[in-house]
Amino acid sequence: MSTIVHIASRKLYFTIFAALMVLTAATVWVATVDLGPLNDVVMLTVAVAKATLVVLYFMHVRWNTPLVKVTIWSALVFLIVLFVLTLSDFLSRHWDRLSPGW
């Protein structure tokens, strides 16, 4: 059984590196600007974009076998399930009863 190896070009790696640097600069800029509650949303969006670029290109997931892609998607679904369960517990508590006055 022969294995097909994908070799990415230097131009692609430099392009991804430049995109990561632009996103890092965006992270630094957003940290200095007060956007109110949108700061968290913008910072998490930039972080997800950077993580996606790293996983797809530097970890070669884009050119890997379908089994690796299924494994990554199942891990993401499991992470989302854990977040939903944690948030449902956190949001269902009555925090007003925990004040020192009761």
PDB file of N, CA and C in Angstrom:
ATOM      1  N   MET A   1       0.844  -1.171   0.000  1.00  0.00           N
ATOM      2  CA  MET A   1       0.000   0.000   0.000  1.00  0.00           C
ATOM      3  C   MET A   1       0.888   1.232   0.000  1.00  0.00           C
ATOM      4  N   SER A   2       0.714   2.067  -0.969  1.00  0.00           N
ATOM      5  CA  SER A   2       1.534   3.273  -1.057  1.00  0.00           C
ATOM      6  C   SER A   2       0.878   4.420  -0.291  1.00  0.00           C
ATOM      7  N   THR A   3       1.724   5.248   0.261  1.00  0.00           N
ATOM      8  CA  THR A   3       1.246   6.401   1.016  1.00  0.00           C
ATOM      9  C   THR A   3       1.481   7.656   0.200  1.00  0.00           C
ATOM     10  N   ILE A   4       0.446   8.451   0.079  1.00  0.00           N
ATOM     11  CA  ILE A   4       0.563   9.719  -0.638  1.00  0.00           C
ATOM     12  C   ILE A   4       0.931  10.791   0.379  1.00  0.00           C
ATOM     13  N   VAL A   5       2.044  11.442   0.132  1.00  0.00           N
ATOM     14  CA  VAL A   5       2.516  12.479   1.037  1.00  0.00           C
ATOM     15  C   VAL A   5       2.318  13.826   0.359  1.00  0.00           C
ATOM     16  N   HIS A   6       1.688  14.728   1.065  1.00  0.00           N
ATOM     17  CA  HIS A   6       1.481  16.066   0.526  1.00  0.00           C
ATOM     18  C   HIS A   6       2.586  16.982   1.025  1.00  0.00           C
ATOM     19  N   ILE A   7       3.206  17.682   0.125  1.00  0.00           N
ATOM     20  CA  ILE A   7       4.249  18.642   0.482  1.00  0.00           C
ATOM     21  C   ILE A   7       3.725  20.033   0.149  1.00  0.00           C
ATOM     22  N   ALA A   8       3.576  20.833   1.190  1.00  0.00           N
ATOM     23  CA  ALA A   8       3.065  22.191   1.007  1.00  0.00           C
ATOM     24  C   ALA A   8       4.206  23.109   0.567  1.00  0.00           C
ATOM     25  N   SER A   9       3.861  24.108  -0.195  1.00  0.00           N
ATOM     26  CA  SER A   9       4.873  25.032  -0.694  1.00  0.00           C
ATOM     27  C   SER A   9       5.265  26.044   0.385  1.00  0.00           C
ATOM     28  N   ARG A  10       6.424  26.630   0.199  1.00  0.00           N
ATOM     29  CA  ARG A  10       6.874  27.666   1.127  1.00  0.00           C
ATOM     30  C   ARG A  10       5.966  28.889   1.061  1.00  0.00           C
ATOM     31  N   LYS A  11       5.467  29.165  -0.133  1.00  0.00           N
ATOM     32  CA  LYS A  11       4.573  30.309  -0.297  1.00  0.00           C
ATOM     33  C   LYS A  11       3.329  30.148   0.570  1.00  0.00           C
ATOM     34  N   LEU A  12       2.784  28.937   0.624  1.00  0.00           N
ATOM     35  CA  LEU A  12       1.617  28.672   1.457  1.00  0.00           C
ATOM     36  C   LEU A  12       1.949  28.886   2.935  1.00  0.00           C
ATOM     37  N   TYR A  13       3.088  28.360   3.364  1.00  0.00           N
ATOM     38  CA  TYR A  13       3.479  28.527   4.767  1.00  0.00           C
ATOM     39  C   TYR A  13       3.702  29.990   5.117  1.00  0.00           C
ATOM     40  N   PHE A  14       4.312  30.748   4.238  1.00  0.00           N
ATOM     41  CA  PHE A  14       4.519  32.172   4.507  1.00  0.00           C
ATOM     42  C   PHE A  14       3.192  32.935   4.492  1.00  0.00           C
ATOM     43  N   THR A  15       2.276  32.519   3.640  1.00  0.00           N
ATOM     44  CA  THR A  15       0.959  33.152   3.615  1.00  0.00           C
ATOM     45  C   THR A  15       0.207  32.885   4.921  1.00  0.00           C
ATOM     46  N   ILE A  16       0.236  31.648   5.388  1.00  0.00           N
ATOM     47  CA  ILE A  16      -0.415  31.311   6.658  1.00  0.00           C
ATOM     48  C   ILE A  16       0.269  32.041   7.809  1.00  0.00           C
ATOM     49  N   PHE A  17       1.592  32.114   7.776  1.00  0.00           N
ATOM     50  CA  PHE A  17       2.326  32.849   8.807  1.00  0.00           C
ATOM     51  C   PHE A  17       1.925  34.324   8.814  1.00  0.00           C
ATOM     52  N   ALA A  18       1.804  34.922   7.635  1.00  0.00           N
ATOM     53  CA  ALA A  18       1.387  36.325   7.552  1.00  0.00           C
ATOM     54  C   ALA A  18      -0.032  36.503   8.086  1.00  0.00           C
ATOM     55  N   ALA A  19      -0.904  35.574   7.770  1.00  0.00           N
ATOM     56  CA  ALA A  19      -2.277  35.646   8.289  1.00  0.00           C
ATOM     57  C   ALA A  19      -2.284  35.531   9.811  1.00  0.00           C
ATOM     58  N   LEU A  20      -1.449  34.647  10.359  1.00  0.00           N
ATOM     59  CA  LEU A  20      -1.361  34.525  11.813  1.00  0.00           C
ATOM     60  C   LEU A  20      -0.816  35.795  12.448  1.00  0.00           C
ATOM     61  N   MET A  21       0.140  36.447  11.795  1.00  0.00           N
ATOM     62  CA  MET A  21       0.671  37.700  12.337  1.00  0.00           C
ATOM     63  C   MET A  21      -0.375  38.817  12.296  1.00  0.00           C
ATOM     64  N   VAL A  22      -1.155  38.856  11.216  1.00  0.00           N
ATOM     65  CA  VAL A  22      -2.230  39.851  11.126  1.00  0.00           C
ATOM     66  C   VAL A  22      -3.271  39.598  12.220  1.00  0.00           C
ATOM     67  N   LEU A  23      -3.622  38.334  12.426  1.00  0.00           N
ATOM     68  CA  LEU A  23      -4.590  38.011  13.472  1.00  0.00           C
ATOM     69  C   LEU A  23      -4.038  38.299  14.867  1.00  0.00           C
ATOM     70  N   THR A  24      -2.741  38.099  15.064  1.00  0.00           N
ATOM     71  CA  THR A  24      -2.125  38.447  16.345  1.00  0.00           C
ATOM     72  C   THR A  24      -2.149  39.950  16.565  1.00  0.00           C
ATOM     73  N   ALA A  25      -1.870  40.709  15.512  1.00  0.00           N
ATOM     74  CA  ALA A  25      -1.959  42.172  15.620  1.00  0.00           C
ATOM     75  C   ALA A  25      -3.393  42.599  15.913  1.00  0.00           C
ATOM     76  N   ALA A  26      -4.361  41.921  15.327  1.00  0.00           N
ATOM     77  CA  ALA A  26      -5.765  42.220  15.618  1.00  0.00           C
ATOM     78  C   ALA A  26      -6.091  41.919  17.076  1.00  0.00           C
ATOM     79  N   THR A  27      -5.524  40.852  17.609  1.00  0.00           N
ATOM     80  CA  THR A  27      -5.728  40.523  19.017  1.00  0.00           C
ATOM     81  C   THR A  27      -5.179  41.617  19.916  1.00  0.00           C
ATOM     82  N   VAL A  28      -3.968  42.083  19.615  1.00  0.00           N
ATOM     83  CA  VAL A  28      -3.356  43.149  20.416  1.00  0.00           C
ATOM     84  C   VAL A  28      -4.165  44.433  20.291  1.00  0.00           C
ATOM     85  N   TRP A  29      -4.625  44.747  19.093  1.00  0.00           N
ATOM     86  CA  TRP A  29      -5.395  45.975  18.891  1.00  0.00           C
ATOM     87  C   TRP A  29      -6.719  45.921  19.651  1.00  0.00           C
ATOM     88  N   VAL A  30      -7.418  44.782  19.576  1.00  0.00           N
ATOM     89  CA  VAL A  30      -8.702  44.659  20.264  1.00  0.00           C
ATOM     90  C   VAL A  30      -8.508  44.727  21.782  1.00  0.00           C
ATOM     91  N   ALA A  31      -7.374  44.274  22.273  1.00  0.00           N
ATOM     92  CA  ALA A  31      -7.106  44.342  23.707  1.00  0.00           C
ATOM     93  C   ALA A  31      -6.943  45.780  24.184  1.00  0.00           C
ATOM     94  N   THR A  32      -6.578  46.688  23.293  1.00  0.00           N
ATOM     95  CA  THR A  32      -6.390  48.085  23.683  1.00  0.00           C
ATOM     96  C   THR A  32      -7.622  48.943  23.447  1.00  0.00           C
ATOM     97  N   VAL A  33      -8.626  48.409  22.758  1.00  0.00           N
ATOM     98  CA  VAL A  33      -9.838  49.156  22.426  1.00  0.00           C
ATOM     99  C   VAL A  33     -10.988  48.626  23.282  1.00  0.00           C
ATOM    100  N   ASP A  34     -11.799  49.527  23.797  1.00  0.00           N
ATOM    101  CA  ASP A  34     -12.950  49.120  24.597  1.00  0.00           C
ATOM    102  C   ASP A  34     -14.169  48.965  23.697  1.00  0.00           C
ATOM    103  N   LEU A  35     -14.539  47.722  23.432  1.00  0.00           N
ATOM    104  CA  LEU A  35     -15.712  47.429  22.622  1.00  0.00           C
ATOM    105  C   LEU A  35     -16.888  46.972  23.481  1.00  0.00           C
ATOM    106  N   GLY A  36     -16.732  47.073  24.775  1.00  0.00           N
ATOM    107  CA  GLY A  36     -17.779  46.622  25.680  1.00  0.00           C
ATOM    108  C   GLY A  36     -17.851  45.105  25.694  1.00  0.00           C
ATOM    109  N   PRO A  37     -19.056  44.566  25.647  1.00  0.00           N
ATOM    110  CA  PRO A  37     -19.193  43.107  25.676  1.00  0.00           C
ATOM    111  C   PRO A  37     -18.714  42.428  24.384  1.00  0.00           C
ATOM    112  N   LEU A  38     -18.482  43.204  23.335  1.00  0.00           N
ATOM    113  CA  LEU A  38     -18.000  42.598  22.083  1.00  0.00           C
ATOM    114  C   LEU A  38     -16.524  42.234  22.136  1.00  0.00           C
ATOM    115  N   ASN A  39     -15.795  42.734  23.126  1.00  0.00           N
ATOM    116  CA  ASN A  39     -14.373  42.396  23.241  1.00  0.00           C
ATOM    117  C   ASN A  39     -14.177  40.882  23.317  1.00  0.00           C
ATOM    118  N   ASP A  40     -14.964  40.230  24.154  1.00  0.00           N
ATOM    119  CA  ASP A  40     -14.833  38.780  24.307  1.00  0.00           C
ATOM    120  C   ASP A  40     -15.170  38.048  23.015  1.00  0.00           C
ATOM    121  N   VAL A  41     -16.213  38.493  22.344  1.00  0.00           N
ATOM    122  CA  VAL A  41     -16.636  37.839  21.102  1.00  0.00           C
ATOM    123  C   VAL A  41     -15.560  37.981  20.027  1.00  0.00           C
ATOM    124  N   VAL A  42     -15.014  39.178  19.887  1.00  0.00           N
ATOM    125  CA  VAL A  42     -13.983  39.409  18.871  1.00  0.00           C
ATOM    126  C   VAL A  42     -12.722  38.620  19.208  1.00  0.00           C
ATOM    127  N   MET A  43     -12.316  38.636  20.470  1.00  0.00           N
ATOM    128  CA  MET A  43     -11.100  37.917  20.862  1.00  0.00           C
ATOM    129  C   MET A  43     -11.257  36.404  20.647  1.00  0.00           C
ATOM    130  N   LEU A  44     -12.410  35.855  21.000  1.00  0.00           N
ATOM    131  CA  LEU A  44     -12.627  34.419  20.788  1.00  0.00           C
ATOM    132  C   LEU A  44     -12.705  34.080  19.306  1.00  0.00           C
ATOM    133  N   THR A  45     -13.279  34.957  18.504  1.00  0.00           N
ATOM    134  CA  THR A  45     -13.344  34.719  17.059  1.00  0.00           C
ATOM    135  C   THR A  45     -11.947  34.703  16.450  1.00  0.00           C
ATOM    136  N   VAL A  46     -11.114  35.645  16.849  1.00  0.00           N
ATOM    137  CA  VAL A  46      -9.738  35.680  16.350  1.00  0.00           C
ATOM    138  C   VAL A  46      -8.973  34.445  16.820  1.00  0.00           C
ATOM    139  N   ALA A  47      -9.176  34.040  18.075  1.00  0.00           N
ATOM    140  CA  ALA A  47      -8.484  32.858  18.603  1.00  0.00           C
ATOM    141  C   ALA A  47      -8.895  31.594  17.862  1.00  0.00           C
ATOM    142  N   VAL A  48     -10.173  31.464  17.559  1.00  0.00           N
ATOM    143  CA  VAL A  48     -10.646  30.293  16.807  1.00  0.00           C
ATOM    144  C   VAL A  48     -10.079  30.299  15.391  1.00  0.00           C
ATOM    145  N   ALA A  49     -10.008  31.461  14.777  1.00  0.00           N
ATOM    146  CA  ALA A  49      -9.439  31.558  13.427  1.00  0.00           C
ATOM    147  C   ALA A  49      -7.967  31.154  13.431  1.00  0.00           C
ATOM    148  N   LYS A  50      -7.213  31.634  14.417  1.00  0.00           N
ATOM    149  CA  LYS A  50      -5.792  31.271  14.490  1.00  0.00           C
ATOM    150  C   LYS A  50      -5.620  29.775  14.758  1.00  0.00           C
ATOM    151  N   ALA A  51      -6.418  29.232  15.667  1.00  0.00           N
ATOM    152  CA  ALA A  51      -6.321  27.797  15.961  1.00  0.00           C
ATOM    153  C   ALA A  51      -6.678  26.958  14.738  1.00  0.00           C
ATOM    154  N   THR A  52      -7.671  27.403  13.985  1.00  0.00           N
ATOM    155  CA  THR A  52      -8.067  26.672  12.781  1.00  0.00           C
ATOM    156  C   THR A  52      -6.947  26.662  11.747  1.00  0.00           C
ATOM    157  N   LEU A  53      -6.294  27.801  11.548  1.00  0.00           N
ATOM    158  CA  LEU A  53      -5.171  27.845  10.605  1.00  0.00           C
ATOM    159  C   LEU A  53      -4.037  26.930  11.037  1.00  0.00           C
ATOM    160  N   VAL A  54      -3.720  26.934  12.313  1.00  0.00           N
ATOM    161  CA  VAL A  54      -2.630  26.092  12.813  1.00  0.00           C
ATOM    162  C   VAL A  54      -2.967  24.623  12.633  1.00  0.00           C
ATOM    163  N   VAL A  55      -4.178  24.237  12.998  1.00  0.00           N
ATOM    164  CA  VAL A  55      -4.563  22.824  12.890  1.00  0.00           C
ATOM    165  C   VAL A  55      -4.611  22.381  11.428  1.00  0.00           C
ATOM    166  N   LEU A  56      -5.197  23.189  10.566  1.00  0.00           N
ATOM    167  CA  LEU A  56      -5.351  22.777   9.169  1.00  0.00           C
ATOM    168  C   LEU A  56      -4.034  22.710   8.412  1.00  0.00           C
ATOM    169  N   TYR A  57      -3.177  23.704   8.611  1.00  0.00           N
ATOM    170  CA  TYR A  57      -1.994  23.786   7.759  1.00  0.00           C
ATOM    171  C   TYR A  57      -0.719  23.308   8.444  1.00  0.00           C
ATOM    172  N   PHE A  58      -0.447  23.749   9.669  1.00  0.00           N
ATOM    173  CA  PHE A  58       0.808  23.348  10.305  1.00  0.00           C
ATOM    174  C   PHE A  58       0.740  21.931  10.854  1.00  0.00           C
ATOM    175  N   MET A  59      -0.466  21.462  11.182  1.00  0.00           N
ATOM    176  CA  MET A  59      -0.620  20.078  11.621  1.00  0.00           C
ATOM    177  C   MET A  59      -1.039  19.168  10.463  1.00  0.00           C
ATOM    178  N   HIS A  60      -1.156  19.721   9.269  1.00  0.00           N
ATOM    179  CA  HIS A  60      -1.435  18.984   8.025  1.00  0.00           C
ATOM    180  C   HIS A  60      -2.758  18.232   8.039  1.00  0.00           C
ATOM    181  N   VAL A  61      -3.723  18.701   8.797  1.00  0.00           N
ATOM    182  CA  VAL A  61      -5.018  18.024   8.840  1.00  0.00           C
ATOM    183  C   VAL A  61      -5.759  18.197   7.532  1.00  0.00           C
ATOM    184  N   ARG A  62      -5.525  19.290   6.858  1.00  0.00           N
ATOM    185  CA  ARG A  62      -6.222  19.533   5.580  1.00  0.00           C
ATOM    186  C   ARG A  62      -5.933  18.435   4.558  1.00  0.00           C
ATOM    187  N   TRP A  63      -4.746  17.877   4.595  1.00  0.00           N
ATOM    188  CA  TRP A  63      -4.357  16.858   3.610  1.00  0.00           C
ATOM    189  C   TRP A  63      -4.293  15.462   4.210  1.00  0.00           C
ATOM    190  N   ASN A  64      -4.829  15.272   5.388  1.00  0.00           N
ATOM    191  CA  ASN A  64      -4.731  13.986   6.058  1.00  0.00           C
ATOM    192  C   ASN A  64      -5.891  13.081   5.666  1.00  0.00           C
ATOM    193  N   THR A  65      -5.911  11.891   6.236  1.00  0.00           N
ATOM    194  CA  THR A  65      -6.935  10.901   5.906  1.00  0.00           C
ATOM    195  C   THR A  65      -8.274  11.296   6.527  1.00  0.00           C
ATOM    196  N   PRO A  66      -9.351  10.754   5.984  1.00  0.00           N
ATOM    197  CA  PRO A  66     -10.669  11.061   6.551  1.00  0.00           C
ATOM    198  C   PRO A  66     -10.818  10.627   8.014  1.00  0.00           C
ATOM    199  N   LEU A  67     -10.111   9.593   8.423  1.00  0.00           N
ATOM    200  CA  LEU A  67     -10.206   9.140   9.809  1.00  0.00           C
ATOM    201  C   LEU A  67      -9.715  10.213  10.780  1.00  0.00           C
ATOM    202  N   VAL A  68      -8.664  10.919  10.421  1.00  0.00           N
ATOM    203  CA  VAL A  68      -8.149  11.996  11.268  1.00  0.00           C
ATOM    204  C   VAL A  68      -9.172  13.121  11.351  1.00  0.00           C
ATOM    205  N   LYS A  69      -9.800  13.445  10.234  1.00  0.00           N
ATOM    206  CA  LYS A  69     -10.817  14.502  10.224  1.00  0.00           C
ATOM    207  C   LYS A  69     -12.023  14.118  11.079  1.00  0.00           C
ATOM    208  N   VAL A  70     -12.446  12.867  11.009  1.00  0.00           N
ATOM    209  CA  VAL A  70     -13.566  12.401  11.841  1.00  0.00           C
ATOM    210  C   VAL A  70     -13.185  12.471  13.318  1.00  0.00           C
ATOM    211  N   THR A  71     -11.960  12.129  13.634  1.00  0.00           N
ATOM    212  CA  THR A  71     -11.500  12.189  15.023  1.00  0.00           C
ATOM    213  C   THR A  71     -11.513  13.614  15.537  1.00  0.00           C
ATOM    214  N   ILE A  72     -11.060  14.548  14.736  1.00  0.00           N
ATOM    215  CA  ILE A  72     -11.039  15.952  15.158  1.00  0.00           C
ATOM    216  C   ILE A  72     -12.458  16.482  15.309  1.00  0.00           C
ATOM    217  N   TRP A  73     -13.334  16.164  14.370  1.00  0.00           N
ATOM    218  CA  TRP A  73     -14.725  16.619  14.488  1.00  0.00           C
ATOM    219  C   TRP A  73     -15.406  16.018  15.708  1.00  0.00           C
ATOM    220  N   SER A  74     -15.141  14.750  15.992  1.00  0.00           N
ATOM    221  CA  SER A  74     -15.772  14.142  17.173  1.00  0.00           C
ATOM    222  C   SER A  74     -15.237  14.780  18.456  1.00  0.00           C
ATOM    223  N   ALA A  75     -13.957  15.132  18.488  1.00  0.00           N
ATOM    224  CA  ALA A  75     -13.412  15.823  19.659  1.00  0.00           C
ATOM    225  C   ALA A  75     -14.051  17.193  19.834  1.00  0.00           C
ATOM    226  N   LEU A  76     -14.280  17.912  18.734  1.00  0.00           N
ATOM    227  CA  LEU A  76     -14.944  19.216  18.819  1.00  0.00           C
ATOM    228  C   LEU A  76     -16.391  19.091  19.290  1.00  0.00           C
ATOM    229  N   VAL A  77     -17.088  18.084  18.800  1.00  0.00           N
ATOM    230  CA  VAL A  77     -18.472  17.867  19.243  1.00  0.00           C
ATOM    231  C   VAL A  77     -18.493  17.532  20.732  1.00  0.00           C
ATOM    232  N   PHE A  78     -17.561  16.695  21.184  1.00  0.00           N
ATOM    233  CA  PHE A  78     -17.478  16.352  22.593  1.00  0.00           C
ATOM    234  C   PHE A  78     -17.171  17.589  23.437  1.00  0.00           C
ATOM    235  N   LEU A  79     -16.297  18.455  22.960  1.00  0.00           N
ATOM    236  CA  LEU A  79     -15.990  19.697  23.677  1.00  0.00           C
ATOM    237  C   LEU A  79     -17.217  20.588  23.774  1.00  0.00           C
ATOM    238  N   ILE A  80     -17.972  20.687  22.695  1.00  0.00           N
ATOM    239  CA  ILE A  80     -19.199  21.488  22.721  1.00  0.00           C
ATOM    240  C   ILE A  80     -20.205  20.905  23.707  1.00  0.00           C
ATOM    241  N   VAL A  81     -20.333  19.595  23.736  1.00  0.00           N
ATOM    242  CA  VAL A  81     -21.241  18.955  24.697  1.00  0.00           C
ATOM    243  C   VAL A  81     -20.815  19.279  26.127  1.00  0.00           C
ATOM    244  N   LEU A  82     -19.519  19.211  26.407  1.00  0.00           N
ATOM    245  CA  LEU A  82     -19.040  19.541  27.746  1.00  0.00           C
ATOM    246  C   LEU A  82     -19.333  20.996  28.102  1.00  0.00           C
ATOM    247  N   PHE A  83     -19.132  21.910  27.151  1.00  0.00           N
ATOM    248  CA  PHE A  83     -19.443  23.321  27.409  1.00  0.00           C
ATOM    249  C   PHE A  83     -20.932  23.517  27.672  1.00  0.00           C
ATOM    250  N   VAL A  84     -21.779  22.879  26.878  1.00  0.00           N
ATOM    251  CA  VAL A  84     -23.226  23.027  27.050  1.00  0.00           C
ATOM    252  C   VAL A  84     -23.657  22.476  28.408  1.00  0.00           C
ATOM    253  N   LEU A  85     -23.143  21.333  28.804  1.00  0.00           N
ATOM    254  CA  LEU A  85     -23.508  20.772  30.100  1.00  0.00           C
ATOM    255  C   LEU A  85     -23.022  21.649  31.245  1.00  0.00           C
ATOM    256  N   THR A  86     -21.818  22.176  31.131  1.00  0.00           N
ATOM    257  CA  THR A  86     -21.296  23.055  32.177  1.00  0.00           C
ATOM    258  C   THR A  86     -22.093  24.340  32.261  1.00  0.00           C
ATOM    259  N   LEU A  87     -22.384  24.944  31.119  1.00  0.00           N
ATOM    260  CA  LEU A  87     -23.164  26.181  31.119  1.00  0.00           C
ATOM    261  C   LEU A  87     -24.589  25.963  31.604  1.00  0.00           C
ATOM    262  N   SER A  88     -25.190  24.823  31.275  1.00  0.00           N
ATOM    263  CA  SER A  88     -26.549  24.565  31.756  1.00  0.00           C
ATOM    264  C   SER A  88     -26.563  24.447  33.275  1.00  0.00           C
ATOM    265  N   ASP A  89     -25.531  23.853  33.860  1.00  0.00           N
ATOM    266  CA  ASP A  89     -25.441  23.787  35.311  1.00  0.00           C
ATOM    267  C   ASP A  89     -25.209  25.179  35.902  1.00  0.00           C
ATOM    268  N   PHE A  90     -24.300  25.923  35.303  1.00  0.00           N
ATOM    269  CA  PHE A  90     -23.970  27.258  35.812  1.00  0.00           C
ATOM    270  C   PHE A  90     -25.165  28.202  35.733  1.00  0.00           C
ATOM    271  N   LEU A  91     -25.889  28.176  34.620  1.00  0.00           N
ATOM    272  CA  LEU A  91     -27.007  29.089  34.432  1.00  0.00           C
ATOM    273  C   LEU A  91     -28.258  28.682  35.204  1.00  0.00           C
ATOM    274  N   SER A  92     -28.346  27.428  35.642  1.00  0.00           N
ATOM    275  CA  SER A  92     -29.531  26.983  36.378  1.00  0.00           C
ATOM    276  C   SER A  92     -29.444  27.276  37.869  1.00  0.00           C
ATOM    277  N   ARG A  93     -28.303  27.706  38.353  1.00  0.00           N
ATOM    278  CA  ARG A  93     -28.156  28.010  39.780  1.00  0.00           C
ATOM    279  C   ARG A  93     -28.737  29.383  40.083  1.00  0.00           C
ATOM    280  N   HIS A  94     -29.221  29.526  41.297  1.00  0.00           N
ATOM    281  CA  HIS A  94     -29.772  30.795  41.752  1.00  0.00           C
ATOM    282  C   HIS A  94     -28.701  31.528  42.537  1.00  0.00           C
ATOM    283  N   TRP A  95     -27.967  32.391  41.870  1.00  0.00           N
ATOM    284  CA  TRP A  95     -26.825  33.055  42.480  1.00  0.00           C
ATOM    285  C   TRP A  95     -27.255  34.121  43.490  1.00  0.00           C
ATOM    286  N   ASP A  96     -28.498  34.579  43.425  1.00  0.00           N
ATOM    287  CA  ASP A  96     -28.942  35.599  44.378  1.00  0.00           C
ATOM    288  C   ASP A  96     -29.074  35.015  45.786  1.00  0.00           C
ATOM    289  N   ARG A  97     -29.249  33.733  45.919  1.00  0.00           N
ATOM    290  CA  ARG A  97     -29.350  33.095  47.230  1.00  0.00           C
ATOM    291  C   ARG A  97     -27.999  32.937  47.905  1.00  0.00           C
ATOM    292  N   LEU A  98     -26.924  33.108  47.145  1.00  0.00           N
ATOM    293  CA  LEU A  98     -25.593  32.933  47.707  1.00  0.00           C
ATOM    294  C   LEU A  98     -25.024  34.195  48.322  1.00  0.00           C
ATOM    295  N   SER A  99     -25.822  35.246  48.391  1.00  0.00           N
ATOM    296  CA  SER A  99     -25.319  36.495  48.956  1.00  0.00           C
ATOM    297  C   SER A  99     -25.101  36.314  50.457  1.00  0.00           C
ATOM    298  N   PRO A 100     -24.194  37.103  51.057  1.00  0.00           N
ATOM    299  CA  PRO A 100     -23.873  36.933  52.473  1.00  0.00           C
ATOM    300  C   PRO A 100     -25.051  37.206  53.414  1.00  0.00           C
ATOM    301  N   GLY A 101     -26.109  37.853  52.934  1.00  0.00           N
ATOM    302  CA  GLY A 101     -27.209  38.234  53.797  1.00  0.00           C
ATOM    303  C   GLY A 101     -28.195  37.133  54.114  1.00  0.00           C
ATOM    304  N   TRP A 102     -28.143  35.994  53.484  1.00  0.00           N
ATOM    305  CA  TRP A 102     -29.186  34.980  53.757  1.00  0.00           C
ATOM    306  C   TRP A 102     -28.668  34.034  54.729  1.00  0.00           C
TER     307      TRP A 102
END
